[in-house]
Amino acid sequence: MSFKDQLLSDIQDVFLNPDEFGEAINLNGRTMPAVVEAFDVAFDQAVGFRPGVSLEGVALHVAEADAPDECRSGREVRFNGERWFVLDANRDACLRTIRLCRELS
């Protein structure tokens, strides 16, 4: 087994495994395993939001093969049935990190 194959296997079997670190999420109608991590959004990161409104952010770590191609900066997505906006989506090894934000109501 090559290093990349082993890495892909470890990502699926350990990191994204719902019994370990991951959880099942729904992103734009697709169910996939992910590690979800909350983070503070600096207002200057979120273009197009109203000044004075509090923002919340989540980072979704998903397998690159599971990540929807439409996740690009500024796009609206549905994360677990709720409306969010993509701050950025980066690829790193076999994972994709999609950072989302939304206004708090």
C-alpha atoms as a PDB file:
ATOM      1  CA  MET A   1       0.000   0.000   0.000  1.00  0.00           C
ATOM      2  CA  SER A   2       1.381   3.422  -0.935  1.00  0.00           C
ATOM      3  CA  PHE A   3       1.710   6.291   1.528  1.00  0.00           C
ATOM      4  CA  LYS A   4      -1.172   8.170  -0.134  1.00  0.00           C
ATOM      5  CA  ASP A   5      -3.417   5.088   0.024  1.00  0.00           C
ATOM      6  CA  GLN A   6      -2.584   4.667   3.717  1.00  0.00           C
ATOM      7  CA  LEU A   7      -3.301   8.343   4.347  1.00  0.00           C
ATOM      8  CA  LEU A   8      -6.704   8.099   2.624  1.00  0.00           C
ATOM      9  CA  SER A   9      -7.522   5.006   4.650  1.00  0.00           C
ATOM     10  CA  ASP A  10      -6.541   6.683   7.931  1.00  0.00           C
ATOM     11  CA  ILE A  11      -8.594   9.775   7.131  1.00  0.00           C
ATOM     12  CA  GLN A  12     -11.709   7.699   6.515  1.00  0.00           C
ATOM     13  CA  ASP A  13     -11.184   5.120   9.266  1.00  0.00           C
ATOM     14  CA  VAL A  14     -10.044   7.448  12.050  1.00  0.00           C
ATOM     15  CA  PHE A  15     -10.240  11.190  11.514  1.00  0.00           C
ATOM     16  CA  LEU A  16     -13.643  11.352   9.743  1.00  0.00           C
ATOM     17  CA  ASN A  17     -15.079   8.302  11.484  1.00  0.00           C
ATOM     18  CA  PRO A  18     -18.213   9.298  13.470  1.00  0.00           C
ATOM     19  CA  ASP A  19     -17.149   6.896  16.230  1.00  0.00           C
ATOM     20  CA  GLU A  20     -13.865   8.772  16.607  1.00  0.00           C
ATOM     21  CA  PHE A  21     -13.670  12.488  15.695  1.00  0.00           C
ATOM     22  CA  GLY A  22     -16.139  12.919  12.839  1.00  0.00           C
ATOM     23  CA  GLU A  23     -19.873  13.327  12.494  1.00  0.00           C
ATOM     24  CA  ALA A  24     -22.363  12.954   9.661  1.00  0.00           C
ATOM     25  CA  ILE A  25     -23.262  16.284   8.063  1.00  0.00           C
ATOM     26  CA  ASN A  26     -25.392  17.411   5.154  1.00  0.00           C
ATOM     27  CA  LEU A  27     -23.786  19.888   2.778  1.00  0.00           C
ATOM     28  CA  ASN A  28     -25.877  21.046  -0.187  1.00  0.00           C
ATOM     29  CA  GLY A  29     -28.015  17.921   0.005  1.00  0.00           C
ATOM     30  CA  ARG A  30     -25.111  15.477   0.268  1.00  0.00           C
ATOM     31  CA  THR A  31     -24.512  13.495   3.445  1.00  0.00           C
ATOM     32  CA  MET A  32     -20.855  12.966   4.282  1.00  0.00           C
ATOM     33  CA  PRO A  33     -18.564  12.431   7.263  1.00  0.00           C
ATOM     34  CA  ALA A  34     -16.778  15.549   8.523  1.00  0.00           C
ATOM     35  CA  VAL A  35     -15.005  17.036  11.486  1.00  0.00           C
ATOM     36  CA  VAL A  36     -16.820  20.255  12.445  1.00  0.00           C
ATOM     37  CA  GLU A  37     -14.948  22.940  14.338  1.00  0.00           C
ATOM     38  CA  ALA A  38     -16.326  26.303  15.470  1.00  0.00           C
ATOM     39  CA  PHE A  39     -14.169  29.416  15.104  1.00  0.00           C
ATOM     40  CA  ASP A  40     -14.463  33.155  15.651  1.00  0.00           C
ATOM     41  CA  VAL A  41     -15.007  35.131  12.464  1.00  0.00           C
ATOM     42  CA  ALA A  42     -13.158  38.417  12.199  1.00  0.00           C
ATOM     43  CA  PHE A  43     -15.557  40.893  10.617  1.00  0.00           C
ATOM     44  CA  ASP A  44     -13.027  41.884   7.952  1.00  0.00           C
ATOM     45  CA  GLN A  45     -12.957  38.249   6.748  1.00  0.00           C
ATOM     46  CA  ALA A  46     -16.680  38.226   5.958  1.00  0.00           C
ATOM     47  CA  VAL A  47     -17.276  40.395   2.920  1.00  0.00           C
ATOM     48  CA  GLY A  48     -20.854  41.559   2.374  1.00  0.00           C
ATOM     49  CA  PHE A  49     -22.177  41.254   5.916  1.00  0.00           C
ATOM     50  CA  ARG A  50     -23.746  44.152   7.780  1.00  0.00           C
ATOM     51  CA  PRO A  51     -21.566  46.119  10.199  1.00  0.00           C
ATOM     52  CA  GLY A  52     -22.432  45.557  13.847  1.00  0.00           C
ATOM     53  CA  VAL A  53     -23.964  42.110  13.285  1.00  0.00           C
ATOM     54  CA  SER A  54     -22.348  39.219  15.125  1.00  0.00           C
ATOM     55  CA  LEU A  55     -21.057  36.353  13.015  1.00  0.00           C
ATOM     56  CA  GLU A  56     -20.392  32.711  13.735  1.00  0.00           C
ATOM     57  CA  GLY A  57     -18.155  30.379  11.816  1.00  0.00           C
ATOM     58  CA  VAL A  58     -17.574  26.680  11.363  1.00  0.00           C
ATOM     59  CA  ALA A  59     -14.765  24.862   9.624  1.00  0.00           C
ATOM     60  CA  LEU A  60     -15.736  21.615   7.923  1.00  0.00           C
ATOM     61  CA  HIS A  61     -12.939  19.126   7.351  1.00  0.00           C
ATOM     62  CA  VAL A  62     -14.106  16.632   4.712  1.00  0.00           C
ATOM     63  CA  ALA A  63     -12.504  14.112   2.389  1.00  0.00           C
ATOM     64  CA  GLU A  64     -11.506  15.814  -0.832  1.00  0.00           C
ATOM     65  CA  ALA A  65     -13.586  13.324  -2.811  1.00  0.00           C
ATOM     66  CA  ASP A  66     -16.714  14.264  -0.806  1.00  0.00           C
ATOM     67  CA  ALA A  67     -16.321  18.048  -1.054  1.00  0.00           C
ATOM     68  CA  PRO A  68     -18.755  19.699  -3.443  1.00  0.00           C
ATOM     69  CA  ASP A  69     -17.089  21.717  -6.202  1.00  0.00           C
ATOM     70  CA  GLU A  70     -19.538  24.600  -5.720  1.00  0.00           C
ATOM     71  CA  CYS A  71     -17.910  25.490  -2.375  1.00  0.00           C
ATOM     72  CA  ARG A  72     -16.082  28.649  -3.411  1.00  0.00           C
ATOM     73  CA  SER A  73     -15.610  31.949  -1.564  1.00  0.00           C
ATOM     74  CA  GLY A  74     -18.756  34.034  -1.323  1.00  0.00           C
ATOM     75  CA  ARG A  75     -21.131  31.267  -2.380  1.00  0.00           C
ATOM     76  CA  GLU A  76     -24.214  30.379  -0.377  1.00  0.00           C
ATOM     77  CA  VAL A  77     -24.456  26.773   0.811  1.00  0.00           C
ATOM     78  CA  ARG A  78     -26.808  24.708   2.942  1.00  0.00           C
ATOM     79  CA  PHE A  79     -25.086  23.158   5.930  1.00  0.00           C
ATOM     80  CA  ASN A  80     -27.388  20.822   7.874  1.00  0.00           C
ATOM     81  CA  GLY A  81     -30.385  22.550   6.294  1.00  0.00           C
ATOM     82  CA  GLU A  82     -29.341  26.078   7.258  1.00  0.00           C
ATOM     83  CA  ARG A  83     -28.044  28.928   5.090  1.00  0.00           C
ATOM     84  CA  TRP A  84     -24.317  29.688   5.384  1.00  0.00           C
ATOM     85  CA  PHE A  85     -21.734  31.456   3.213  1.00  0.00           C
ATOM     86  CA  VAL A  86     -18.327  30.125   2.197  1.00  0.00           C
ATOM     87  CA  LEU A  87     -15.382  32.164   3.455  1.00  0.00           C
ATOM     88  CA  ASP A  88     -12.826  29.900   1.791  1.00  0.00           C
ATOM     89  CA  ALA A  89     -12.241  26.297   0.798  1.00  0.00           C
ATOM     90  CA  ASN A  90      -8.706  24.936   0.857  1.00  0.00           C
ATOM     91  CA  ARG A  91      -7.196  21.606  -0.119  1.00  0.00           C
ATOM     92  CA  ASP A  92      -4.546  20.038   2.065  1.00  0.00           C
ATOM     93  CA  ALA A  93      -3.304  16.540   1.263  1.00  0.00           C
ATOM     94  CA  CYS A  94      -6.440  14.401   0.967  1.00  0.00           C
ATOM     95  CA  LEU A  95      -8.673  16.725   2.989  1.00  0.00           C
ATOM     96  CA  ARG A  96     -10.607  19.831   2.121  1.00  0.00           C
ATOM     97  CA  THR A  97     -11.326  22.485   4.741  1.00  0.00           C
ATOM     98  CA  ILE A  98     -14.403  24.578   4.018  1.00  0.00           C
ATOM     99  CA  ARG A  99     -14.844  27.582   6.314  1.00  0.00           C
ATOM    100  CA  LEU A 100     -18.403  28.866   6.558  1.00  0.00           C
ATOM    101  CA  CYS A 101     -19.964  31.850   8.301  1.00  0.00           C
ATOM    102  CA  ARG A 102     -23.383  33.333   8.945  1.00  0.00           C
ATOM    103  CA  GLU A 103     -25.032  36.130  10.866  1.00  0.00           C
ATOM    104  CA  LEU A 104     -26.263  35.305  14.347  1.00  0.00           C
ATOM    105  CA  SER A 105     -29.915  36.118  14.840  1.00  0.00           C
END
